[in-house]
Structure formats: structure tokens, C-alpha cells
Amino acid sequence: MNKNMTALVSAFARIYHIKNSNIKIYNDMYAEKIITEDEYNEISTNMKNGISFFNPNYKGTDPLKWVVNNNLAPSVLARSIFNEHHLLNEIKLGLKQYIILASGYDTSAFKVNNKLKIFELDKKEMIEDKLNRINNAKLDITNITYIKTDFNKDWINDLINSNYQKTEKTFCSMLGISYYLDKDTFKNTIKRLSNIIPKGSTILFDYPNILETKKEKLNQQLAACANEEMKSIYSYEDIENIAGDSNMLIYEHLNHNDIDNTYFYDYNTLNPNDKIIAPIGVSYVMLVKR
């Protein structure tokens, strides 16, 4: 089993979406270059055969589409388009650097590496595997720095000791991370980033705010199957405290309805029988350094 299965399934969901959707909520034209055809087909088969786990009462004719649109794609697409929207806007406002924590098989760097210096941080085996895939695909990694690090140790110095510049406006993506850190660690991660970015820089993240719905319980089961335990849940007051303690302001705070109305509306209007709904109980945040 691939040790990076969570990242692999996320990339699969992005590929499936662009292959099979008449409206692209998020258009990832690079994921297919770093995921092999065999991997894509194997995940497709596993998800299709797992329909009884996802929906024991399913009676339709396309179980793979149901699994992807209802369980895999919503969180992946919501994070990706939320990130891209703000990243492109910040570029217009003079952004110079882009940091991606726990970057996995994220391919957003390839879209903007002609405009920014980019720093991808992840564990050693993840970065090495990703670089092998990138080399095989012959993708341009000019202006992208890949940093092998241990998030349980002094990862911030690994970033500082690269060609990162503390005085240049920076965009930090922490999407998909809060679920697997305890509250103190998550808070400290934001604070440490805030300490090395200049005024006007941003940090993006999502976080779970309710876990009592059936769908969220299923998501916890999926995380457990991937050997990743969800550790924390946050209130809006928790987020306010984290921002205040890190000398940052909450610039934007969206819930699942906001994501649906802002980013998923066109797709769902044209596909009323196959809607993709942003995950219930998840909020999306943009912080700005004071």
C-alpha cells in the first residue's frame, strides 16, 4: 500500500473531476502528470467496489461518480479553489512568496512558479517520491524549493535556511492540516509562521467546527482507515484567539454554504442531479498579518 495514500486519493479526485465534469470547480491540469495510469485505475476500482461502505443503499448505475462527488471531491475541490482564488488575488497585490505546508501531491505551484518563489514542505519520503514523479513528467520546477522536514521538530528553521526572505510578502497554505494536529500544535504552527512573515502576508487554513453529522462521522472513519486520526475541533472563538495571539486578523471566514454559493454554484446549477456539496461542518479562513 502506498504510504502516501491520502495524498494520492486527493490527486485522484482532482483528476476525476476534470476528466468527467462539464464545469470545472477547480481545474488541475498537472495532477494527471504525476499520478500514473495504473494508480488512477486502481483507486477507481477500489472506490467503485467500496460503494457499500460509502452508501449501503445505493441503487444507481455509476457508483464511482457517486463516491467521488459525495465523499472525495467536496473537501479537495473546496480547499483547492479557495486557495487558488486568494493566491491569484494576492499575486495582483504584490505577492512574492508562496509556502505550502504538508504539500503532498499538490500541484498548485506549477500554475504560478513563473510569478513567485515557492516553498513546499513535507516529510522526507513524500518530497522524494514527489520529485521522482516530477522528474519523470519533466515538469518545470524553476522557482520551487522542496524542503524535506519533520513537523515534529524544528521545521521552521528548515524553511528559514532555504532562500526564503522574511521581508517579502508571503502567502502560506495550511489547508487540510488542522484536523490532524492538537490545538496547541496548530496554534503554535500559525504563530511560528506569523513570526517570519511581514505585514500584509496571509495564512489560509480550513478547520472542523462540528463533527456530529453522519457525513462527518464517515469522514472520521475514512481518516482512521488512512491511519490519520482527527484530533481537534474548533469554535469561531478559538479561531479568533489563535489569530489574536499570532498578531493576525481574520480577513475572511466561510462556512460550507458560502463555499457552495461562491465556488460550486455554476457546477451545481448545471448538474442539479449530481451536485457536489462542500463538507458540512468545515470552515475556511484567511488570516492577514497586522
C-alpha atoms as a PDB file:
ATOM      1  CA  MET A   1       0.000   0.000   0.000  1.00  0.00           C
ATOM      2  CA  ASN A   2       1.310   3.449  -0.911  1.00  0.00           C
ATOM      3  CA  LYS A   3       2.320   5.256   2.286  1.00  0.00           C
ATOM      4  CA  ASN A   4       1.043   8.484   0.757  1.00  0.00           C
ATOM      5  CA  MET A   5      -2.454   7.139   0.051  1.00  0.00           C
ATOM      6  CA  THR A   6      -4.311  10.183   1.414  1.00  0.00           C
ATOM      7  CA  ALA A   7      -2.359  12.493  -0.915  1.00  0.00           C
ATOM      8  CA  LEU A   8      -2.790  10.058  -3.777  1.00  0.00           C
ATOM      9  CA  VAL A   9      -6.577   9.888  -3.370  1.00  0.00           C
ATOM     10  CA  SER A  10      -6.749  13.688  -3.239  1.00  0.00           C
ATOM     11  CA  ALA A  11      -4.898  13.896  -6.553  1.00  0.00           C
ATOM     12  CA  PHE A  12      -7.161  11.185  -7.977  1.00  0.00           C
ATOM     13  CA  ALA A  13     -10.248  13.231  -7.032  1.00  0.00           C
ATOM     14  CA  ARG A  14      -8.882  16.287  -8.836  1.00  0.00           C
ATOM     15  CA  ILE A  15      -8.109  14.253 -11.945  1.00  0.00           C
ATOM     16  CA  TYR A  16     -11.504  12.549 -11.968  1.00  0.00           C
ATOM     17  CA  HIS A  17     -13.212  15.917 -11.674  1.00  0.00           C
ATOM     18  CA  ILE A  18     -11.521  17.453 -14.715  1.00  0.00           C
ATOM     19  CA  LYS A  19     -11.993  14.271 -16.756  1.00  0.00           C
ATOM     20  CA  ASN A  20     -15.707  13.912 -16.034  1.00  0.00           C
ATOM     21  CA  SER A  21     -17.169  17.342 -15.270  1.00  0.00           C
ATOM     22  CA  ASN A  22     -18.759  19.791 -17.690  1.00  0.00           C
ATOM     23  CA  ILE A  23     -17.902  22.647 -15.298  1.00  0.00           C
ATOM     24  CA  LYS A  24     -14.523  22.613 -13.570  1.00  0.00           C
ATOM     25  CA  ILE A  25     -14.828  23.831  -9.996  1.00  0.00           C
ATOM     26  CA  TYR A  26     -11.040  23.596  -9.842  1.00  0.00           C
ATOM     27  CA  ASN A  27      -9.045  22.878 -12.983  1.00  0.00           C
ATOM     28  CA  ASP A  28      -5.914  20.905 -12.110  1.00  0.00           C
ATOM     29  CA  MET A  29      -4.114  20.255 -15.372  1.00  0.00           C
ATOM     30  CA  TYR A  30      -0.975  18.906 -13.668  1.00  0.00           C
ATOM     31  CA  ALA A  31      -2.179  16.162 -11.310  1.00  0.00           C
ATOM     32  CA  GLU A  32      -2.519  13.676 -14.161  1.00  0.00           C
ATOM     33  CA  LYS A  33       1.167  14.171 -14.945  1.00  0.00           C
ATOM     34  CA  ILE A  34       2.352  12.970 -11.531  1.00  0.00           C
ATOM     35  CA  ILE A  35      -0.147  10.147 -10.917  1.00  0.00           C
ATOM     36  CA  THR A  36       0.302   7.017 -13.031  1.00  0.00           C
ATOM     37  CA  GLU A  37      -2.492   5.486 -15.065  1.00  0.00           C
ATOM     38  CA  ASP A  38      -2.216   2.282 -13.030  1.00  0.00           C
ATOM     39  CA  GLU A  39      -2.646   4.218  -9.774  1.00  0.00           C
ATOM     40  CA  TYR A  40      -5.641   6.070 -11.164  1.00  0.00           C
ATOM     41  CA  ASN A  41      -7.281   2.851 -12.336  1.00  0.00           C
ATOM     42  CA  GLU A  42      -6.572   1.028  -9.062  1.00  0.00           C
ATOM     43  CA  ILE A  43      -8.155   3.796  -6.997  1.00  0.00           C
ATOM     44  CA  SER A  44     -11.115   3.924  -9.386  1.00  0.00           C
ATOM     45  CA  THR A  45     -11.709   0.205  -8.909  1.00  0.00           C
ATOM     46  CA  ASN A  46     -11.319   0.341  -5.137  1.00  0.00           C
ATOM     47  CA  MET A  47     -13.721   3.258  -4.770  1.00  0.00           C
ATOM     48  CA  LYS A  48     -16.301   1.721  -7.084  1.00  0.00           C
ATOM     49  CA  ASN A  49     -16.118  -1.598  -5.252  1.00  0.00           C
ATOM     50  CA  GLY A  50     -16.417   0.224  -1.928  1.00  0.00           C
ATOM     51  CA  ILE A  51     -19.825   1.730  -2.661  1.00  0.00           C
ATOM     52  CA  SER A  52     -21.441  -0.440   0.023  1.00  0.00           C
ATOM     53  CA  PHE A  53     -19.242   1.247   2.623  1.00  0.00           C
ATOM     54  CA  PHE A  54     -19.993   4.752   1.394  1.00  0.00           C
ATOM     55  CA  ASN A  55     -23.676   4.190   0.628  1.00  0.00           C
ATOM     56  CA  PRO A  56     -25.159   0.779   1.550  1.00  0.00           C
ATOM     57  CA  ASN A  57     -28.454   1.724  -0.117  1.00  0.00           C
ATOM     58  CA  TYR A  58     -27.006   2.888  -3.445  1.00  0.00           C
ATOM     59  CA  LYS A  59     -29.148   1.815  -6.438  1.00  0.00           C
ATOM     60  CA  GLY A  60     -27.609   3.876  -9.240  1.00  0.00           C
ATOM     61  CA  THR A  61     -25.507   2.866 -12.246  1.00  0.00           C
ATOM     62  CA  ASP A  62     -22.315   4.885 -11.634  1.00  0.00           C
ATOM     63  CA  PRO A  63     -21.011   4.115  -8.137  1.00  0.00           C
ATOM     64  CA  LEU A  64     -17.607   5.669  -8.802  1.00  0.00           C
ATOM     65  CA  LYS A  65     -19.139   9.026  -9.677  1.00  0.00           C
ATOM     66  CA  TRP A  66     -21.287   8.890  -6.547  1.00  0.00           C
ATOM     67  CA  VAL A  67     -18.302   8.142  -4.295  1.00  0.00           C
ATOM     68  CA  VAL A  68     -16.141  10.862  -5.829  1.00  0.00           C
ATOM     69  CA  ASN A  69     -18.790  13.587  -5.884  1.00  0.00           C
ATOM     70  CA  ASN A  70     -20.123  12.848  -2.425  1.00  0.00           C
ATOM     71  CA  ASN A  71     -17.042  11.825  -0.460  1.00  0.00           C
ATOM     72  CA  LEU A  72     -13.721  12.525  -2.185  1.00  0.00           C
ATOM     73  CA  ALA A  73     -14.127  15.664  -4.272  1.00  0.00           C
ATOM     74  CA  PRO A  74     -16.003  18.061  -1.966  1.00  0.00           C
ATOM     75  CA  SER A  75     -13.197  18.790   0.511  1.00  0.00           C
ATOM     76  CA  VAL A  76     -10.425  18.573  -2.110  1.00  0.00           C
ATOM     77  CA  LEU A  77     -12.151  20.956  -4.524  1.00  0.00           C
ATOM     78  CA  ALA A  78     -13.256  23.378  -1.797  1.00  0.00           C
ATOM     79  CA  ARG A  79      -9.723  23.724  -0.445  1.00  0.00           C
ATOM     80  CA  SER A  80      -8.161  23.962  -3.877  1.00  0.00           C
ATOM     81  CA  ILE A  81     -10.421  26.664  -5.296  1.00  0.00           C
ATOM     82  CA  PHE A  82     -10.438  28.664  -2.059  1.00  0.00           C
ATOM     83  CA  ASN A  83      -6.641  28.612  -2.123  1.00  0.00           C
ATOM     84  CA  GLU A  84      -6.352  29.474  -5.816  1.00  0.00           C
ATOM     85  CA  HIS A  85      -8.833  32.354  -5.604  1.00  0.00           C
ATOM     86  CA  HIS A  86      -6.876  34.089  -2.860  1.00  0.00           C
ATOM     87  CA  LEU A  87      -3.458  33.153  -4.237  1.00  0.00           C
ATOM     88  CA  LEU A  88      -4.180  34.754  -7.621  1.00  0.00           C
ATOM     89  CA  ASN A  89      -5.658  37.820  -5.952  1.00  0.00           C
ATOM     90  CA  GLU A  90      -2.599  38.241  -3.725  1.00  0.00           C
ATOM     91  CA  ILE A  91      -0.328  37.982  -6.766  1.00  0.00           C
ATOM     92  CA  LYS A  92      -2.132  41.018  -8.184  1.00  0.00           C
ATOM     93  CA  LEU A  93      -1.409  42.795  -4.894  1.00  0.00           C
ATOM     94  CA  GLY A  94       2.340  42.225  -4.996  1.00  0.00           C
ATOM     95  CA  LEU A  95       2.830  38.731  -3.559  1.00  0.00           C
ATOM     96  CA  LYS A  96       6.405  37.407  -3.790  1.00  0.00           C
ATOM     97  CA  GLN A  97       6.474  34.049  -1.951  1.00  0.00           C
ATOM     98  CA  TYR A  98       4.170  31.034  -1.581  1.00  0.00           C
ATOM     99  CA  ILE A  99       4.590  28.458   1.218  1.00  0.00           C
ATOM    100  CA  ILE A 100       2.728  25.126   1.151  1.00  0.00           C
ATOM    101  CA  LEU A 101       2.854  23.100   4.362  1.00  0.00           C
ATOM    102  CA  ALA A 102       2.325  19.335   4.041  1.00  0.00           C
ATOM    103  CA  SER A 103       2.186  19.827   0.276  1.00  0.00           C
ATOM    104  CA  GLY A 104       1.671  16.185  -0.668  1.00  0.00           C
ATOM    105  CA  TYR A 105       0.862  15.874  -4.386  1.00  0.00           C
ATOM    106  CA  ASP A 106      -0.485  19.425  -4.546  1.00  0.00           C
ATOM    107  CA  THR A 107       0.262  20.858  -7.996  1.00  0.00           C
ATOM    108  CA  SER A 108      -0.769  24.489  -7.482  1.00  0.00           C
ATOM    109  CA  ALA A 109       2.874  25.592  -7.560  1.00  0.00           C
ATOM    110  CA  PHE A 110       3.179  24.719 -11.245  1.00  0.00           C
ATOM    111  CA  LYS A 111       0.452  27.226 -12.094  1.00  0.00           C
ATOM    112  CA  VAL A 112       2.294  30.184 -10.558  1.00  0.00           C
ATOM    113  CA  ASN A 113       6.006  29.340 -10.448  1.00  0.00           C
ATOM    114  CA  ASN A 114       6.664  31.851 -13.212  1.00  0.00           C
ATOM    115  CA  LYS A 115       5.432  34.593 -10.858  1.00  0.00           C
ATOM    116  CA  LEU A 116       6.566  33.556  -7.353  1.00  0.00           C
ATOM    117  CA  LYS A 117       9.196  31.865  -5.245  1.00  0.00           C
ATOM    118  CA  ILE A 118       7.549  28.743  -3.848  1.00  0.00           C
ATOM    119  CA  PHE A 119       8.458  26.576  -0.865  1.00  0.00           C
ATOM    120  CA  GLU A 120       6.901  23.143  -0.443  1.00  0.00           C
ATOM    121  CA  LEU A 121       7.407  21.448   2.918  1.00  0.00           C
ATOM    122  CA  ASP A 122       6.650  17.819   3.683  1.00  0.00           C
ATOM    123  CA  LYS A 123       8.189  14.722   5.201  1.00  0.00           C
ATOM    124  CA  LYS A 124      11.306  13.301   3.543  1.00  0.00           C
ATOM    125  CA  GLU A 125       9.685  10.295   1.875  1.00  0.00           C
ATOM    126  CA  MET A 126       6.845  12.414   0.480  1.00  0.00           C
ATOM    127  CA  ILE A 127       9.161  15.007  -1.075  1.00  0.00           C
ATOM    128  CA  GLU A 128      11.454  12.341  -2.548  1.00  0.00           C
ATOM    129  CA  ASP A 129       8.531  10.474  -4.085  1.00  0.00           C
ATOM    130  CA  LYS A 130       7.038  13.669  -5.480  1.00  0.00           C
ATOM    131  CA  LEU A 131      10.352  14.739  -7.005  1.00  0.00           C
ATOM    132  CA  ASN A 132      10.690  11.346  -8.712  1.00  0.00           C
ATOM    133  CA  ARG A 133       7.252  11.811 -10.230  1.00  0.00           C
ATOM    134  CA  ILE A 134       8.035  15.384 -11.282  1.00  0.00           C
ATOM    135  CA  ASN A 135      11.305  14.323 -12.909  1.00  0.00           C
ATOM    136  CA  ASN A 136       9.545  11.530 -14.810  1.00  0.00           C
ATOM    137  CA  ALA A 137       6.954  14.028 -16.016  1.00  0.00           C
ATOM    138  CA  LYS A 138       9.655  16.562 -16.925  1.00  0.00           C
ATOM    139  CA  LEU A 139       7.788  19.391 -15.205  1.00  0.00           C
ATOM    140  CA  ASP A 140       9.406  22.781 -14.729  1.00  0.00           C
ATOM    141  CA  ILE A 141      10.326  23.339 -11.074  1.00  0.00           C
ATOM    142  CA  THR A 142      12.115  26.637 -11.597  1.00  0.00           C
ATOM    143  CA  ASN A 143      11.477  28.831  -8.537  1.00  0.00           C
ATOM    144  CA  ILE A 144      10.139  25.885  -6.464  1.00  0.00           C
ATOM    145  CA  THR A 145      12.125  24.804  -3.407  1.00  0.00           C
ATOM    146  CA  TYR A 146      11.270  21.400  -1.929  1.00  0.00           C
ATOM    147  CA  ILE A 147      12.067  21.137   1.774  1.00  0.00           C
ATOM    148  CA  LYS A 148      12.288  17.750   3.483  1.00  0.00           C
ATOM    149  CA  THR A 149      11.354  18.283   7.094  1.00  0.00           C
ATOM    150  CA  ASP A 150       9.905  16.781  10.245  1.00  0.00           C
ATOM    151  CA  PHE A 151       6.916  18.744  11.504  1.00  0.00           C
ATOM    152  CA  ASN A 152       7.522  17.352  14.976  1.00  0.00           C
ATOM    153  CA  LYS A 153      10.924  19.048  15.054  1.00  0.00           C
ATOM    154  CA  ASP A 154      12.331  22.460  14.080  1.00  0.00           C
ATOM    155  CA  TRP A 155      10.781  22.694  10.614  1.00  0.00           C
ATOM    156  CA  ILE A 156      10.662  26.497  10.698  1.00  0.00           C
ATOM    157  CA  ASN A 157      14.456  26.667  10.581  1.00  0.00           C
ATOM    158  CA  ASP A 158      14.476  24.346   7.573  1.00  0.00           C
ATOM    159  CA  LEU A 159      12.336  26.960   5.829  1.00  0.00           C
ATOM    160  CA  ILE A 160      14.404  29.925   7.027  1.00  0.00           C
ATOM    161  CA  ASN A 161      17.643  28.246   5.957  1.00  0.00           C
ATOM    162  CA  SER A 162      16.391  27.926   2.384  1.00  0.00           C
ATOM    163  CA  ASN A 163      16.247  31.045   0.207  1.00  0.00           C
ATOM    164  CA  TYR A 164      13.107  32.241   1.979  1.00  0.00           C
ATOM    165  CA  GLN A 165      13.071  36.001   2.626  1.00  0.00           C
ATOM    166  CA  LYS A 166      11.368  37.280   5.779  1.00  0.00           C
ATOM    167  CA  THR A 167      10.806  40.741   4.296  1.00  0.00           C
ATOM    168  CA  GLU A 168       8.901  39.654   1.178  1.00  0.00           C
ATOM    169  CA  LYS A 169       5.094  39.416   1.140  1.00  0.00           C
ATOM    170  CA  THR A 170       4.171  35.763   1.626  1.00  0.00           C
ATOM    171  CA  PHE A 171       1.139  33.516   1.165  1.00  0.00           C
ATOM    172  CA  CYS A 172       1.009  30.441   3.451  1.00  0.00           C
ATOM    173  CA  SER A 173      -1.271  27.478   2.737  1.00  0.00           C
ATOM    174  CA  MET A 174      -2.110  25.209   5.685  1.00  0.00           C
ATOM    175  CA  LEU A 175      -5.178  23.586   4.137  1.00  0.00           C
ATOM    176  CA  GLY A 176      -6.080  20.100   5.313  1.00  0.00           C
ATOM    177  CA  ILE A 177      -3.752  20.250   8.325  1.00  0.00           C
ATOM    178  CA  SER A 178      -5.800  21.367  11.330  1.00  0.00           C
ATOM    179  CA  TYR A 179      -7.660  18.043  11.539  1.00  0.00           C
ATOM    180  CA  TYR A 180      -4.572  16.062  12.465  1.00  0.00           C
ATOM    181  CA  LEU A 181      -2.888  18.392  14.971  1.00  0.00           C
ATOM    182  CA  ASP A 182      -3.816  19.008  18.569  1.00  0.00           C
ATOM    183  CA  LYS A 183      -4.946  22.566  19.298  1.00  0.00           C
ATOM    184  CA  ASP A 184      -1.693  23.738  20.866  1.00  0.00           C
ATOM    185  CA  THR A 185       0.380  22.428  17.971  1.00  0.00           C
ATOM    186  CA  PHE A 186      -1.931  24.009  15.400  1.00  0.00           C
ATOM    187  CA  LYS A 187      -1.911  27.330  17.228  1.00  0.00           C
ATOM    188  CA  ASN A 188       1.872  27.229  17.558  1.00  0.00           C
ATOM    189  CA  THR A 189       2.275  26.462  13.846  1.00  0.00           C
ATOM    190  CA  ILE A 190       0.333  29.592  12.904  1.00  0.00           C
ATOM    191  CA  LYS A 191       2.221  31.666  15.443  1.00  0.00           C
ATOM    192  CA  ARG A 192       5.607  30.475  14.160  1.00  0.00           C
ATOM    193  CA  LEU A 193       4.625  31.302  10.589  1.00  0.00           C
ATOM    194  CA  SER A 194       3.334  34.709  11.664  1.00  0.00           C
ATOM    195  CA  ASN A 195       6.689  35.461  13.280  1.00  0.00           C
ATOM    196  CA  ILE A 196       8.563  35.111   9.971  1.00  0.00           C
ATOM    197  CA  ILE A 197       6.165  36.794   7.532  1.00  0.00           C
ATOM    198  CA  PRO A 198       5.878  40.566   7.037  1.00  0.00           C
ATOM    199  CA  LYS A 199       2.830  42.779   7.443  1.00  0.00           C
ATOM    200  CA  GLY A 200       0.137  42.121   4.835  1.00  0.00           C
ATOM    201  CA  SER A 201       1.094  38.458   4.376  1.00  0.00           C
ATOM    202  CA  THR A 202      -1.574  35.771   4.617  1.00  0.00           C
ATOM    203  CA  ILE A 203      -2.231  32.334   6.083  1.00  0.00           C
ATOM    204  CA  LEU A 204      -5.028  30.112   4.746  1.00  0.00           C
ATOM    205  CA  PHE A 205      -6.447  27.082   6.516  1.00  0.00           C
ATOM    206  CA  ASP A 206      -9.622  25.069   6.974  1.00  0.00           C
ATOM    207  CA  TYR A 207     -10.861  23.557  10.211  1.00  0.00           C
ATOM    208  CA  PRO A 208     -13.615  21.248  11.519  1.00  0.00           C
ATOM    209  CA  ASN A 209     -16.258  23.057  13.550  1.00  0.00           C
ATOM    210  CA  ILE A 210     -18.826  20.277  14.014  1.00  0.00           C
ATOM    211  CA  LEU A 211     -18.344  16.518  13.864  1.00  0.00           C
ATOM    212  CA  GLU A 212     -21.785  15.208  14.747  1.00  0.00           C
ATOM    213  CA  THR A 213     -23.328  14.818  11.312  1.00  0.00           C
ATOM    214  CA  LYS A 214     -23.421  11.430   9.615  1.00  0.00           C
ATOM    215  CA  LYS A 215     -21.126  12.620   6.851  1.00  0.00           C
ATOM    216  CA  GLU A 216     -18.517  13.936   9.254  1.00  0.00           C
ATOM    217  CA  LYS A 217     -18.558  10.678  11.191  1.00  0.00           C
ATOM    218  CA  LEU A 218     -17.903   8.905   7.891  1.00  0.00           C
ATOM    219  CA  ASN A 219     -15.018  11.258   7.189  1.00  0.00           C
ATOM    220  CA  GLN A 220     -13.537  10.319  10.557  1.00  0.00           C
ATOM    221  CA  GLN A 221     -13.825   6.654   9.623  1.00  0.00           C
ATOM    222  CA  LEU A 222     -12.036   7.353   6.337  1.00  0.00           C
ATOM    223  CA  ALA A 223      -9.270   9.191   8.162  1.00  0.00           C
ATOM    224  CA  ALA A 224      -8.881   6.257  10.544  1.00  0.00           C
ATOM    225  CA  CYS A 225      -8.597   3.888   7.579  1.00  0.00           C
ATOM    226  CA  ALA A 226      -5.764   6.061   6.253  1.00  0.00           C
ATOM    227  CA  ASN A 227      -4.015   5.921   9.639  1.00  0.00           C
ATOM    228  CA  GLU A 228      -4.689   9.590  10.227  1.00  0.00           C
ATOM    229  CA  GLU A 229      -6.614  10.480  13.347  1.00  0.00           C
ATOM    230  CA  MET A 230      -8.674  13.670  13.569  1.00  0.00           C
ATOM    231  CA  LYS A 231      -7.508  15.261  16.798  1.00  0.00           C
ATOM    232  CA  SER A 232      -9.219  18.633  17.175  1.00  0.00           C
ATOM    233  CA  ILE A 233     -12.417  20.593  16.704  1.00  0.00           C
ATOM    234  CA  TYR A 234     -12.672  24.403  16.875  1.00  0.00           C
ATOM    235  CA  SER A 235     -15.180  27.109  17.638  1.00  0.00           C
ATOM    236  CA  TYR A 236     -15.100  30.517  15.967  1.00  0.00           C
ATOM    237  CA  GLU A 237     -13.884  31.920  19.298  1.00  0.00           C
ATOM    238  CA  ASP A 238     -10.940  29.504  19.148  1.00  0.00           C
ATOM    239  CA  ILE A 239     -10.017  30.897  15.736  1.00  0.00           C
ATOM    240  CA  GLU A 240     -10.318  34.471  16.994  1.00  0.00           C
ATOM    241  CA  ASN A 241      -7.951  33.638  19.845  1.00  0.00           C
ATOM    242  CA  ILE A 242      -5.464  31.944  17.533  1.00  0.00           C
ATOM    243  CA  ALA A 243      -5.497  34.969  15.210  1.00  0.00           C
ATOM    244  CA  GLY A 244      -5.129  37.461  18.052  1.00  0.00           C
ATOM    245  CA  ASP A 245      -2.269  35.582  19.685  1.00  0.00           C
ATOM    246  CA  SER A 246      -0.472  35.467  16.337  1.00  0.00           C
ATOM    247  CA  ASN A 247      -0.885  39.182  15.561  1.00  0.00           C
ATOM    248  CA  MET A 248      -3.208  38.411  12.664  1.00  0.00           C
ATOM    249  CA  LEU A 249      -6.695  39.465  11.591  1.00  0.00           C
ATOM    250  CA  ILE A 250      -9.491  37.272  10.253  1.00  0.00           C
ATOM    251  CA  TYR A 251      -9.910  38.666   6.748  1.00  0.00           C
ATOM    252  CA  GLU A 252     -12.368  36.005   5.537  1.00  0.00           C
ATOM    253  CA  HIS A 253     -14.276  33.202   7.239  1.00  0.00           C
ATOM    254  CA  LEU A 254     -16.504  30.945   5.111  1.00  0.00           C
ATOM    255  CA  ASN A 255     -18.728  28.004   6.000  1.00  0.00           C
ATOM    256  CA  HIS A 256     -19.888  25.245   3.660  1.00  0.00           C
ATOM    257  CA  ASN A 257     -22.844  27.287   2.422  1.00  0.00           C
ATOM    258  CA  ASP A 258     -20.536  30.157   1.496  1.00  0.00           C
ATOM    259  CA  ILE A 259     -18.277  27.776  -0.449  1.00  0.00           C
ATOM    260  CA  ASP A 260     -21.273  26.305  -2.276  1.00  0.00           C
ATOM    261  CA  ASN A 261     -22.646  29.719  -3.196  1.00  0.00           C
ATOM    262  CA  THR A 262     -19.295  31.215  -4.161  1.00  0.00           C
ATOM    263  CA  TYR A 263     -17.387  28.402  -5.851  1.00  0.00           C
ATOM    264  CA  PHE A 264     -19.739  25.470  -6.534  1.00  0.00           C
ATOM    265  CA  TYR A 265     -22.767  27.401  -7.819  1.00  0.00           C
ATOM    266  CA  ASP A 266     -22.143  27.089 -11.573  1.00  0.00           C
ATOM    267  CA  TYR A 267     -21.401  23.375 -11.393  1.00  0.00           C
ATOM    268  CA  ASN A 268     -24.438  22.614  -9.246  1.00  0.00           C
ATOM    269  CA  THR A 269     -26.728  24.746 -11.414  1.00  0.00           C
ATOM    270  CA  LEU A 270     -25.808  22.701 -14.493  1.00  0.00           C
ATOM    271  CA  ASN A 271     -25.767  19.392 -12.596  1.00  0.00           C
ATOM    272  CA  PRO A 272     -28.817  19.508 -10.291  1.00  0.00           C
ATOM    273  CA  ASN A 273     -28.956  15.705 -10.046  1.00  0.00           C
ATOM    274  CA  ASP A 274     -25.247  15.262  -9.317  1.00  0.00           C
ATOM    275  CA  LYS A 275     -24.409  18.175  -7.057  1.00  0.00           C
ATOM    276  CA  ILE A 276     -21.098  18.497  -5.245  1.00  0.00           C
ATOM    277  CA  ILE A 277     -21.710  19.977  -1.807  1.00  0.00           C
ATOM    278  CA  ALA A 278     -18.917  21.448   0.296  1.00  0.00           C
ATOM    279  CA  PRO A 279     -18.292  19.460   3.508  1.00  0.00           C
ATOM    280  CA  ILE A 280     -20.738  20.276   6.293  1.00  0.00           C
ATOM    281  CA  GLY A 281     -19.016  21.324   9.486  1.00  0.00           C
ATOM    282  CA  VAL A 282     -15.885  22.725   7.833  1.00  0.00           C
ATOM    283  CA  SER A 283     -14.914  26.401   7.762  1.00  0.00           C
ATOM    284  CA  TYR A 284     -12.328  28.166   5.587  1.00  0.00           C
ATOM    285  CA  VAL A 285     -10.206  31.018   6.893  1.00  0.00           C
ATOM    286  CA  MET A 286      -7.872  33.674   5.552  1.00  0.00           C
ATOM    287  CA  LEU A 287      -5.718  35.470   8.121  1.00  0.00           C
ATOM    288  CA  VAL A 288      -3.742  38.624   7.347  1.00  0.00           C
ATOM    289  CA  LYS A 289      -0.655  39.726   9.298  1.00  0.00           C
ATOM    290  CA  ARG A 290      -1.123  43.064  11.036  1.00  0.00           C
END
